[in-house]
C-alpha atoms as a PDB file:
ATOM      1  CA  MET A   1     113.067 139.381 118.444  1.00  0.00           C
ATOM      2  CA  THR A   2     114.767 136.122 119.437  1.00  0.00           C
ATOM      3  CA  ALA A   3     113.568 132.549 119.869  1.00  0.00           C
ATOM      4  CA  GLN A   4     114.912 129.438 121.517  1.00  0.00           C
ATOM      5  CA  CYS A   5     115.578 126.316 119.432  1.00  0.00           C
ATOM      6  CA  LEU A   6     113.205 123.505 120.421  1.00  0.00           C
ATOM      7  CA  ARG A   7     115.995 120.936 120.258  1.00  0.00           C
ATOM      8  CA  CYS A   8     119.292 122.444 121.416  1.00  0.00           C
ATOM      9  CA  MET A   9     117.858 125.473 123.310  1.00  0.00           C
ATOM     10  CA  ARG A  10     120.195 127.838 121.455  1.00  0.00           C
ATOM     11  CA  VAL A  11     118.878 131.410 121.120  1.00  0.00           C
ATOM     12  CA  PHE A  12     118.579 132.579 117.505  1.00  0.00           C
ATOM     13  CA  GLU A  13     116.906 135.174 115.277  1.00  0.00           C
ATOM     14  CA  PRO A  14     113.902 133.364 113.717  1.00  0.00           C
ATOM     15  CA  LYS A  15     112.591 133.853 110.194  1.00  0.00           C
ATOM     16  CA  GLN A  16     108.773 133.831 110.219  1.00  0.00           C
ATOM     17  CA  ASN A  17     107.627 130.897 112.398  1.00  0.00           C
ATOM     18  CA  GLN A  18     110.987 129.141 112.573  1.00  0.00           C
ATOM     19  CA  LYS A  19     111.209 126.737 115.546  1.00  0.00           C
ATOM     20  CA  TRP A  20     114.726 125.341 115.124  1.00  0.00           C
ATOM     21  CA  CYS A  21     118.016 127.182 114.822  1.00  0.00           C
ATOM     22  CA  SER A  22     119.217 125.127 111.831  1.00  0.00           C
ATOM     23  CA  ALA A  23     118.240 122.489 109.296  1.00  0.00           C
ATOM     24  CA  GLU A  24     120.384 120.027 111.269  1.00  0.00           C
ATOM     25  CA  CYS A  25     118.385 120.622 114.483  1.00  0.00           C
ATOM     26  CA  ARG A  26     115.107 120.329 112.549  1.00  0.00           C
ATOM     27  CA  SER A  27     116.219 117.027 111.010  1.00  0.00           C
ATOM     28  CA  LYS A  28     117.538 115.583 114.291  1.00  0.00           C
ATOM     29  CA  SER A  29     114.335 116.620 116.041  1.00  0.00           C
ATOM     30  CA  SER A  30     112.307 114.757 113.420  1.00  0.00           C
ATOM     31  CA  TYR A  31     114.377 111.581 113.912  1.00  0.00           C
ATOM     32  CA  GLU A  32     114.021 111.862 117.694  1.00  0.00           C
ATOM     33  CA  ARG A  33     110.213 112.119 117.373  1.00  0.00           C
ATOM     34  CA  GLN A  34     110.168 109.035 115.104  1.00  0.00           C
ATOM     35  CA  GLU A  35     112.349 107.086 117.546  1.00  0.00           C
ATOM     36  CA  SER A  36     110.131 108.061 120.462  1.00  0.00           C
ATOM     37  CA  SER A  37     106.863 107.160 118.713  1.00  0.00           C
ATOM     38  CA  SER A  38     108.366 103.855 117.512  1.00  0.00           C
ATOM     39  CA  ARG A  39     109.381 102.952 121.075  1.00  0.00           C
ATOM     40  CA  LEU A  40     105.925 103.817 122.419  1.00  0.00           C
ATOM     41  CA  PHE A  41     104.194 101.756 119.715  1.00  0.00           C
ATOM     42  CA  TRP A  42     106.518  98.781 120.320  1.00  0.00           C
ATOM     43  CA  GLU A  43     105.837  98.896 124.070  1.00  0.00           C
ATOM     44  CA  SER A  44     102.065  99.240 123.612  1.00  0.00           C
ATOM     45  CA  ILE A  45     101.598  96.038 121.573  1.00  0.00           C
ATOM     46  CA  ALA A  46     101.003  92.780 123.452  1.00  0.00           C
ATOM     47  CA  PRO A  47     102.206  89.341 122.358  1.00  0.00           C
ATOM     48  CA  ALA A  48      99.696  87.127 120.550  1.00  0.00           C
ATOM     49  CA  SER A  49      97.592  84.991 122.840  1.00  0.00           C
ATOM     50  CA  LEU A  50      98.143  81.390 121.865  1.00  0.00           C
ATOM     51  CA  GLY A  51      95.521  78.723 122.345  1.00  0.00           C
ATOM     52  CA  PRO A  52      96.789  75.323 123.508  1.00  0.00           C
ATOM     53  CA  GLU A  53      96.521  73.823 120.010  1.00  0.00           C
ATOM     54  CA  ILE A  54      98.651  76.596 118.464  1.00  0.00           C
ATOM     55  CA  ALA A  55     101.110  76.656 121.388  1.00  0.00           C
ATOM     56  CA  ALA A  56     101.735  72.911 120.930  1.00  0.00           C
ATOM     57  CA  LEU A  57     102.938  73.379 117.350  1.00  0.00           C
ATOM     58  CA  ASP A  58     106.532  73.690 116.206  1.00  0.00           C
ATOM     59  CA  GLU A  59     107.533  77.366 115.719  1.00  0.00           C
ATOM     60  CA  ARG A  60     107.733  76.993 111.933  1.00  0.00           C
ATOM     61  CA  GLN A  61     104.204  75.549 111.832  1.00  0.00           C
ATOM     62  CA  ARG A  62     102.913  78.141 114.290  1.00  0.00           C
ATOM     63  CA  VAL A  63     103.766  81.206 112.145  1.00  0.00           C
ATOM     64  CA  PRO A  64     101.411  80.572 109.183  1.00  0.00           C
ATOM     65  CA  LEU A  65      98.593  79.362 111.414  1.00  0.00           C
ATOM     66  CA  LEU A  66      98.863  82.369 113.726  1.00  0.00           C
ATOM     67  CA  LEU A  67      99.036  84.849 110.833  1.00  0.00           C
ATOM     68  CA  ALA A  68      95.917  83.401 109.209  1.00  0.00           C
ATOM     69  CA  SER A  69      93.898  82.890 112.410  1.00  0.00           C
ATOM     70  CA  GLN A  70      94.498  86.395 113.828  1.00  0.00           C
ATOM     71  CA  ALA A  71      93.635  88.269 110.618  1.00  0.00           C
ATOM     72  CA  PRO A  72      90.448  90.344 110.835  1.00  0.00           C
ATOM     73  CA  PRO A  73      87.803  89.883 108.127  1.00  0.00           C
ATOM     74  CA  ASN A  74      88.349  91.909 104.953  1.00  0.00           C
ATOM     75  CA  THR A  75      92.153  91.909 105.223  1.00  0.00           C
ATOM     76  CA  ARG A  76      94.323  92.419 102.150  1.00  0.00           C
ATOM     77  CA  GLY A  77      97.671  91.709 103.776  1.00  0.00           C
ATOM     78  CA  TYR A  78     100.052  92.409 106.625  1.00  0.00           C
ATOM     79  CA  ARG A  79     103.393  93.975 107.470  1.00  0.00           C
ATOM     80  CA  VAL A  80     105.841  93.049 110.213  1.00  0.00           C
ATOM     81  CA  GLY A  81     108.066  95.452 112.120  1.00  0.00           C
ATOM     82  CA  ALA A  82     110.722  95.407 114.807  1.00  0.00           C
ATOM     83  CA  PRO A  83     113.445  97.620 116.245  1.00  0.00           C
ATOM     84  CA  ASN A  84     116.986  96.912 115.123  1.00  0.00           C
ATOM     85  CA  ARG A  85     118.461  94.950 118.007  1.00  0.00           C
ATOM     86  CA  PHE A  86     121.972  96.202 117.170  1.00  0.00           C
ATOM     87  CA  THR A  87     121.032  99.844 117.802  1.00  0.00           C
ATOM     88  CA  PRO A  88     121.162 101.328 121.326  1.00  0.00           C
ATOM     89  CA  GLU A  89     117.677 101.311 122.864  1.00  0.00           C
ATOM     90  CA  ALA A  90     117.462 105.103 123.089  1.00  0.00           C
ATOM     91  CA  LYS A  91     117.963 105.381 119.312  1.00  0.00           C
ATOM     92  CA  GLN A  92     115.756 102.522 118.139  1.00  0.00           C
ATOM     93  CA  TYR A  93     112.944 102.931 115.686  1.00  0.00           C
ATOM     94  CA  LEU A  94     110.893 100.273 113.983  1.00  0.00           C
ATOM     95  CA  ARG A  95     111.662  99.018 110.495  1.00  0.00           C
ATOM     96  CA  TRP A  96     108.709  97.575 108.555  1.00  0.00           C
ATOM     97  CA  PHE A  97     108.768  94.726 106.066  1.00  0.00           C
ATOM     98  CA  PRO A  98     108.143  94.219 103.270  1.00  0.00           C
ATOM     99  CA  SER A  99     109.410  97.560 102.116  1.00  0.00           C
ATOM    100  CA  ALA A 100     108.409  99.062  98.798  1.00  0.00           C
ATOM    101  CA  GLU A 101     111.858  97.951  97.592  1.00  0.00           C
ATOM    102  CA  GLN A 102     111.103  94.331  98.488  1.00  0.00           C
ATOM    103  CA  GLN A 103     107.741  94.082  96.782  1.00  0.00           C
ATOM    104  CA  TRP A 104     104.858  96.169  95.491  1.00  0.00           C
ATOM    105  CA  PRO A 105     102.489  96.833  97.164  1.00  0.00           C
ATOM    106  CA  ALA A 106     104.434  96.655 100.418  1.00  0.00           C
ATOM    107  CA  LEU A 107     102.257  93.941 101.985  1.00  0.00           C
ATOM    108  CA  PHE A 108     102.646  90.223 102.536  1.00  0.00           C
ATOM    109  CA  THR A 109      99.447  88.573 101.318  1.00  0.00           C
ATOM    110  CA  LEU A 110      97.156  86.232 103.214  1.00  0.00           C
ATOM    111  CA  ASP A 111      95.566  84.601 100.165  1.00  0.00           C
ATOM    112  CA  PRO A 112      97.766  82.984  99.044  1.00  0.00           C
ATOM    113  CA  LEU A 113      99.698  83.152 102.315  1.00  0.00           C
ATOM    114  CA  GLN A 114     103.117  84.752 101.968  1.00  0.00           C
ATOM    115  CA  LEU A 115     105.400  84.016 104.892  1.00  0.00           C
ATOM    116  CA  PRO A 116     107.249  87.083 106.172  1.00  0.00           C
ATOM    117  CA  ARG A 117     110.708  87.723 104.774  1.00  0.00           C
ATOM    118  CA  VAL A 118     112.692  89.436 107.516  1.00  0.00           C
ATOM    119  CA  PRO A 119     116.384  90.253 108.087  1.00  0.00           C
ATOM    120  CA  ALA A 120     116.728  88.409 111.421  1.00  0.00           C
ATOM    121  CA  ALA A 121     114.844  85.874 113.479  1.00  0.00           C
ATOM    122  CA  GLY A 122     113.128  87.506 116.445  1.00  0.00           C
ATOM    123  CA  VAL A 123     109.980  89.107 117.807  1.00  0.00           C
ATOM    124  CA  TYR A 124     108.023  91.291 115.368  1.00  0.00           C
ATOM    125  CA  ILE A 125     104.795  93.276 115.448  1.00  0.00           C
ATOM    126  CA  VAL A 126     102.226  92.059 112.921  1.00  0.00           C
ATOM    127  CA  ALA A 127      99.918  94.771 111.523  1.00  0.00           C
ATOM    128  CA  TYR A 128      97.005  93.930 109.199  1.00  0.00           C
ATOM    129  CA  PHE A 129      95.721  96.177 106.409  1.00  0.00           C
ATOM    130  CA  SER A 130      92.316  96.527 104.764  1.00  0.00           C
ATOM    131  CA  PRO A 131      91.899  96.432 100.960  1.00  0.00           C
ATOM    132  CA  ASP A 132      92.024 100.253 100.828  1.00  0.00           C
ATOM    133  CA  GLY A 133      95.379 100.340 102.638  1.00  0.00           C
ATOM    134  CA  HIS A 134      94.275 101.387 106.137  1.00  0.00           C
ATOM    135  CA  ILE A 135      95.568  99.594 109.200  1.00  0.00           C
ATOM    136  CA  HIS A 136      93.066  97.421 111.097  1.00  0.00           C
ATOM    137  CA  GLN A 137      93.062  99.111 114.510  1.00  0.00           C
ATOM    138  CA  GLY A 138      93.392  96.803 117.508  1.00  0.00           C
ATOM    139  CA  ALA A 139      94.452  93.792 115.422  1.00  0.00           C
ATOM    140  CA  SER A 140      98.221  94.139 115.925  1.00  0.00           C
ATOM    141  CA  PHE A 141     100.224  91.740 118.070  1.00  0.00           C
ATOM    142  CA  LYS A 142     103.806  90.588 118.637  1.00  0.00           C
ATOM    143  CA  MET A 143     104.998  87.170 117.568  1.00  0.00           C
ATOM    144  CA  LEU A 144     108.236  85.262 117.183  1.00  0.00           C
ATOM    145  CA  ILE A 145     109.361  84.769 113.593  1.00  0.00           C
ATOM    146  CA  PRO A 146     111.996  82.009 113.879  1.00  0.00           C
ATOM    147  CA  PHE A 147     113.407  82.280 110.354  1.00  0.00           C
ATOM    148  CA  PHE A 148     115.001  84.970 108.177  1.00  0.00           C
ATOM    149  CA  GLU A 149     116.354  85.699 104.721  1.00  0.00           C
ATOM    150  CA  SER A 150     119.933  86.904 104.536  1.00  0.00           C
ATOM    151  CA  ARG A 151     119.147  88.945 101.379  1.00  0.00           C
ATOM    152  CA  VAL A 152     116.785  91.196 103.379  1.00  0.00           C
ATOM    153  CA  LYS A 153     118.668  94.008 105.163  1.00  0.00           C
ATOM    154  CA  TRP A 154     117.510  96.071 108.171  1.00  0.00           C
ATOM    155  CA  SER A 155     118.514  99.238 106.389  1.00  0.00           C
ATOM    156  CA  ARG A 156     116.050  98.478 103.567  1.00  0.00           C
ATOM    157  CA  GLY A 157     113.008  98.289 105.840  1.00  0.00           C
ATOM    158  CA  ASP A 158     110.543 101.189 105.840  1.00  0.00           C
ATOM    159  CA  ARG A 159     110.534 103.589 108.777  1.00  0.00           C
ATOM    160  CA  LYS A 160     106.802 104.204 108.310  1.00  0.00           C
ATOM    161  CA  LEU A 161     104.169 101.599 109.051  1.00  0.00           C
ATOM    162  CA  LEU A 162     101.358 103.231 107.116  1.00  0.00           C
ATOM    163  CA  LEU A 163     101.121 102.847 103.373  1.00  0.00           C
ATOM    164  CA  GLU A 164     100.933 105.776 100.988  1.00  0.00           C
ATOM    165  CA  PRO A 165      97.349 106.191  99.691  1.00  0.00           C
ATOM    166  CA  HIS A 166      98.379 105.763  96.056  1.00  0.00           C
ATOM    167  CA  VAL A 167      99.878 102.333  96.871  1.00  0.00           C
ATOM    168  CA  MET A 168      96.464 100.734  97.161  1.00  0.00           C
ATOM    169  CA  ALA A 169      94.941 102.396  94.093  1.00  0.00           C
ATOM    170  CA  GLN A 170      95.883  99.393  91.964  1.00  0.00           C
END
């Protein structure tokens, strides 16, 4: 019995329920799914709606006010994510900050307010998290973060938005 690889369409002899012809095809297929879901998520999020009083502020003043005013009740913290602008669009996936390498747990806090530390100025998605580590659905938006920290690298951002359950056990 033969099967066709789901990625490269090569015909191969499968072992049990094997779907890919090689570990390389399985790995590349996984990356392609992540890139595709990242692109769809990025495109589905709308920019923050700014009231006239917030829109009138300087960009550096706007960031903390917008982060605090858009947070749903019972929010522990937030993460910010963006695609790497130096990567071709077809291969982009979102990187999320802070990463577990940057700080533990991987959330910027709202009380006291921690400003986001990102690798480049630009537009980011803001996602809020409840105290138990679940994302607040429908509370995400895009906003311009006009500052960055050169010590933070794109490559150190997390590829996954969601936090591991054990992260919030503390």
